[in-house]
Amino acid sequence: MALEVPETSAIHEFGLVAEHLDQLTAMGIELWLDDFGTGHSSLDWLSRLPIHGLKIAGTFVGRIVAEKRCQVIVARVVEMAHDLGLRVAAEGVETEEQRDVLVAKGCDLFQGFLWHAPMPAEEVGRLLPRDVTGLGAS
């Protein structure tokens, strides 16, 4: 199970937020810092919060094909995250060209309309195979 923590929510009452995130991590919940790059992007958080990954904001993804600066920023964020042992997801991927640039920059995971439009949780089951565990029928 994973929980996305918006970058801006970690700004206020850092100590309290960090304590709660430690508790969630102890329960086996993966924590991802969402919308990375749109708030204050404190590098101190990356060294102190118990996170497992970063989600690159869709604002960068939307401009990554046309703007070299976005490509450089994404490449450096991915490199830094990997050096810290974190995974990187890109949100808002809508085209194969965006995906290809993100793959070339080393992004690990992708989310967006390229694969499917958002849907209610109860409808997700229709898209998954009957046995999502890979263990076979019991």
C-alpha atoms as a PDB file:
ATOM      1  CA  MET A   1       0.000   0.000   0.000  1.00  0.00           C
ATOM      2  CA  ALA A   2       1.258   3.489  -0.815  1.00  0.00           C
ATOM      3  CA  LEU A   3       0.290   6.941   0.364  1.00  0.00           C
ATOM      4  CA  GLU A   4       1.035  10.128  -1.540  1.00  0.00           C
ATOM      5  CA  VAL A   5       1.995  13.090   0.616  1.00  0.00           C
ATOM      6  CA  PRO A   6       1.676  16.449  -1.184  1.00  0.00           C
ATOM      7  CA  GLU A   7       4.934  18.357  -1.009  1.00  0.00           C
ATOM      8  CA  THR A   8       3.172  21.454   0.319  1.00  0.00           C
ATOM      9  CA  SER A   9       1.581  19.563   3.256  1.00  0.00           C
ATOM     10  CA  ALA A  10       4.997  18.758   4.725  1.00  0.00           C
ATOM     11  CA  ILE A  11       5.809  22.477   5.037  1.00  0.00           C
ATOM     12  CA  HIS A  12       3.721  23.160   8.117  1.00  0.00           C
ATOM     13  CA  GLU A  13       4.579  21.550  11.462  1.00  0.00           C
ATOM     14  CA  PHE A  14       7.444  19.495  10.033  1.00  0.00           C
ATOM     15  CA  GLY A  15       8.097  17.624  13.290  1.00  0.00           C
ATOM     16  CA  LEU A  16       4.511  16.444  13.637  1.00  0.00           C
ATOM     17  CA  VAL A  17       4.294  15.448   9.982  1.00  0.00           C
ATOM     18  CA  ALA A  18       7.567  13.513  10.203  1.00  0.00           C
ATOM     19  CA  GLU A  19       6.379  11.684  13.328  1.00  0.00           C
ATOM     20  CA  HIS A  20       3.156  10.583  11.642  1.00  0.00           C
ATOM     21  CA  LEU A  21       5.013   9.506   8.511  1.00  0.00           C
ATOM     22  CA  ASP A  22       7.395   7.418  10.641  1.00  0.00           C
ATOM     23  CA  GLN A  23       4.366   5.680  12.165  1.00  0.00           C
ATOM     24  CA  LEU A  24       2.880   4.950   8.744  1.00  0.00           C
ATOM     25  CA  THR A  25       6.186   3.585   7.487  1.00  0.00           C
ATOM     26  CA  ALA A  26       6.396   1.318  10.537  1.00  0.00           C
ATOM     27  CA  MET A  27       2.993  -0.059   9.499  1.00  0.00           C
ATOM     28  CA  GLY A  28       4.455  -1.031   6.117  1.00  0.00           C
ATOM     29  CA  ILE A  29       2.957   1.823   4.113  1.00  0.00           C
ATOM     30  CA  GLU A  30       5.088   3.251   1.311  1.00  0.00           C
ATOM     31  CA  LEU A  31       5.260   7.040   1.253  1.00  0.00           C
ATOM     32  CA  TRP A  32       5.681   9.123  -1.883  1.00  0.00           C
ATOM     33  CA  LEU A  33       6.287  12.861  -1.965  1.00  0.00           C
ATOM     34  CA  ASP A  34       3.700  14.087  -4.483  1.00  0.00           C
ATOM     35  CA  ASP A  35       3.968  17.047  -6.877  1.00  0.00           C
ATOM     36  CA  PHE A  36       7.701  17.297  -6.291  1.00  0.00           C
ATOM     37  CA  GLY A  37       9.076  20.493  -7.734  1.00  0.00           C
ATOM     38  CA  THR A  38       5.977  22.656  -7.377  1.00  0.00           C
ATOM     39  CA  GLY A  39       6.268  23.718  -3.748  1.00  0.00           C
ATOM     40  CA  HIS A  40       9.326  24.551  -1.736  1.00  0.00           C
ATOM     41  CA  SER A  41      11.123  21.293  -2.678  1.00  0.00           C
ATOM     42  CA  SER A  42      13.194  21.325   0.463  1.00  0.00           C
ATOM     43  CA  LEU A  43      16.138  19.015   0.066  1.00  0.00           C
ATOM     44  CA  ASP A  44      16.158  18.752   3.851  1.00  0.00           C
ATOM     45  CA  TRP A  45      12.863  16.829   3.627  1.00  0.00           C
ATOM     46  CA  LEU A  46      14.476  14.271   1.364  1.00  0.00           C
ATOM     47  CA  SER A  47      17.089  13.570   4.004  1.00  0.00           C
ATOM     48  CA  ARG A  48      14.714  13.557   6.994  1.00  0.00           C
ATOM     49  CA  LEU A  49      11.350  12.192   5.866  1.00  0.00           C
ATOM     50  CA  PRO A  50      10.851   8.411   5.565  1.00  0.00           C
ATOM     51  CA  ILE A  51       9.781   8.473   1.915  1.00  0.00           C
ATOM     52  CA  HIS A  52      10.132   5.784  -0.723  1.00  0.00           C
ATOM     53  CA  GLY A  53       9.707   7.859  -3.847  1.00  0.00           C
ATOM     54  CA  LEU A  54       9.064  11.161  -5.558  1.00  0.00           C
ATOM     55  CA  LYS A  55       6.289  11.988  -7.989  1.00  0.00           C
ATOM     56  CA  ILE A  56       7.364  14.565 -10.541  1.00  0.00           C
ATOM     57  CA  ALA A  57       4.632  17.136 -11.015  1.00  0.00           C
ATOM     58  CA  GLY A  58       2.607  17.037 -14.207  1.00  0.00           C
ATOM     59  CA  THR A  59       3.545  20.652 -14.888  1.00  0.00           C
ATOM     60  CA  PHE A  60       7.038  19.449 -15.805  1.00  0.00           C
ATOM     61  CA  VAL A  61       5.774  16.426 -17.719  1.00  0.00           C
ATOM     62  CA  GLY A  62       3.470  18.570 -19.851  1.00  0.00           C
ATOM     63  CA  ARG A  63       6.417  20.667 -21.045  1.00  0.00           C
ATOM     64  CA  ILE A  64       9.137  18.029 -21.099  1.00  0.00           C
ATOM     65  CA  VAL A  65       9.103  17.427 -24.852  1.00  0.00           C
ATOM     66  CA  ALA A  66       9.267  21.086 -25.869  1.00  0.00           C
ATOM     67  CA  GLU A  67      11.433  22.591 -23.139  1.00  0.00           C
ATOM     68  CA  LYS A  68      15.044  21.582 -22.615  1.00  0.00           C
ATOM     69  CA  ARG A  69      14.977  23.158 -19.142  1.00  0.00           C
ATOM     70  CA  CYS A  70      12.235  20.756 -18.028  1.00  0.00           C
ATOM     71  CA  GLN A  71      14.271  17.836 -19.379  1.00  0.00           C
ATOM     72  CA  VAL A  72      17.317  18.932 -17.389  1.00  0.00           C
ATOM     73  CA  ILE A  73      15.315  19.435 -14.188  1.00  0.00           C
ATOM     74  CA  VAL A  74      13.641  16.037 -14.495  1.00  0.00           C
ATOM     75  CA  ALA A  75      16.961  14.316 -15.258  1.00  0.00           C
ATOM     76  CA  ARG A  76      18.594  15.837 -12.169  1.00  0.00           C
ATOM     77  CA  VAL A  77      15.636  15.033  -9.902  1.00  0.00           C
ATOM     78  CA  VAL A  78      15.657  11.417 -11.120  1.00  0.00           C
ATOM     79  CA  GLU A  79      19.426  11.147 -10.638  1.00  0.00           C
ATOM     80  CA  MET A  80      19.259  12.636  -7.135  1.00  0.00           C
ATOM     81  CA  ALA A  81      16.313  10.429  -6.136  1.00  0.00           C
ATOM     82  CA  HIS A  82      18.026   7.276  -7.367  1.00  0.00           C
ATOM     83  CA  ASP A  83      21.219   8.232  -5.522  1.00  0.00           C
ATOM     84  CA  LEU A  84      19.071   8.509  -2.365  1.00  0.00           C
ATOM     85  CA  GLY A  85      17.553   5.075  -2.997  1.00  0.00           C
ATOM     86  CA  LEU A  86      14.165   6.496  -4.018  1.00  0.00           C
ATOM     87  CA  ARG A  87      11.987   5.608  -6.981  1.00  0.00           C
ATOM     88  CA  VAL A  88      10.555   8.264  -9.285  1.00  0.00           C
ATOM     89  CA  ALA A  89       7.105   8.440 -10.832  1.00  0.00           C
ATOM     90  CA  ALA A  90       5.925  10.959 -13.408  1.00  0.00           C
ATOM     91  CA  GLU A  91       2.315  12.092 -13.299  1.00  0.00           C
ATOM     92  CA  GLY A  92       0.282  13.503 -16.150  1.00  0.00           C
ATOM     93  CA  VAL A  93       1.875  11.446 -18.945  1.00  0.00           C
ATOM     94  CA  GLU A  94      -0.412  11.874 -21.940  1.00  0.00           C
ATOM     95  CA  THR A  95       1.716  11.080 -24.990  1.00  0.00           C
ATOM     96  CA  GLU A  96       4.167   8.405 -26.069  1.00  0.00           C
ATOM     97  CA  GLU A  97       6.693  11.151 -26.756  1.00  0.00           C
ATOM     98  CA  GLN A  98       6.503  12.333 -23.129  1.00  0.00           C
ATOM     99  CA  ARG A  99       6.869   8.746 -21.939  1.00  0.00           C
ATOM    100  CA  ASP A 100       9.891   8.202 -24.199  1.00  0.00           C
ATOM    101  CA  VAL A 101      11.672  11.300 -22.851  1.00  0.00           C
ATOM    102  CA  LEU A 102      10.896  10.257 -19.271  1.00  0.00           C
ATOM    103  CA  VAL A 103      12.201   6.746 -19.914  1.00  0.00           C
ATOM    104  CA  ALA A 104      15.396   8.224 -21.372  1.00  0.00           C
ATOM    105  CA  LYS A 105      15.796  10.354 -18.241  1.00  0.00           C
ATOM    106  CA  GLY A 106      15.474   7.252 -16.021  1.00  0.00           C
ATOM    107  CA  CYS A 107      11.973   7.672 -14.613  1.00  0.00           C
ATOM    108  CA  ASP A 108      10.721   4.454 -12.977  1.00  0.00           C
ATOM    109  CA  LEU A 109       6.921   4.715 -13.057  1.00  0.00           C
ATOM    110  CA  PHE A 110       4.311   6.605 -15.037  1.00  0.00           C
ATOM    111  CA  GLN A 111       0.761   7.750 -14.489  1.00  0.00           C
ATOM    112  CA  GLY A 112      -1.612   9.463 -16.864  1.00  0.00           C
ATOM    113  CA  PHE A 113      -4.118   9.436 -19.700  1.00  0.00           C
ATOM    114  CA  LEU A 114      -1.666   7.595 -21.974  1.00  0.00           C
ATOM    115  CA  TRP A 115      -2.789   4.441 -20.150  1.00  0.00           C
ATOM    116  CA  HIS A 116      -6.254   5.257 -18.882  1.00  0.00           C
ATOM    117  CA  ALA A 117      -8.496   8.069 -17.707  1.00  0.00           C
ATOM    118  CA  PRO A 118      -9.181   8.312 -13.962  1.00  0.00           C
ATOM    119  CA  MET A 119     -11.943   6.031 -12.751  1.00  0.00           C
ATOM    120  CA  PRO A 120     -13.742   5.150  -9.532  1.00  0.00           C
ATOM    121  CA  ALA A 121     -12.003   2.491  -7.444  1.00  0.00           C
ATOM    122  CA  GLU A 122     -14.877   0.039  -7.860  1.00  0.00           C
ATOM    123  CA  GLU A 123     -14.329   0.034 -11.653  1.00  0.00           C
ATOM    124  CA  VAL A 124     -10.613  -0.764 -11.441  1.00  0.00           C
ATOM    125  CA  GLY A 125     -11.413  -4.411 -10.734  1.00  0.00           C
ATOM    126  CA  ARG A 126     -12.759  -4.826 -14.271  1.00  0.00           C
ATOM    127  CA  LEU A 127      -9.299  -4.053 -15.681  1.00  0.00           C
ATOM    128  CA  LEU A 128      -7.355  -6.384 -13.404  1.00  0.00           C
ATOM    129  CA  PRO A 129      -6.931 -10.091 -13.979  1.00  0.00           C
ATOM    130  CA  ARG A 130      -8.887 -12.311 -11.613  1.00  0.00           C
ATOM    131  CA  ASP A 131      -5.718 -13.376  -9.787  1.00  0.00           C
ATOM    132  CA  VAL A 132      -3.655 -10.215  -9.237  1.00  0.00           C
ATOM    133  CA  THR A 133      -1.440 -11.938  -6.669  1.00  0.00           C
ATOM    134  CA  GLY A 134       0.222 -14.218  -9.223  1.00  0.00           C
ATOM    135  CA  LEU A 135      -0.207 -17.121  -6.772  1.00  0.00           C
ATOM    136  CA  GLY A 136      -2.972 -18.919  -8.646  1.00  0.00           C
ATOM    137  CA  ALA A 137      -6.421 -19.800  -7.445  1.00  0.00           C
ATOM    138  CA  SER A 138      -6.763 -20.922  -3.853  1.00  0.00           C
END
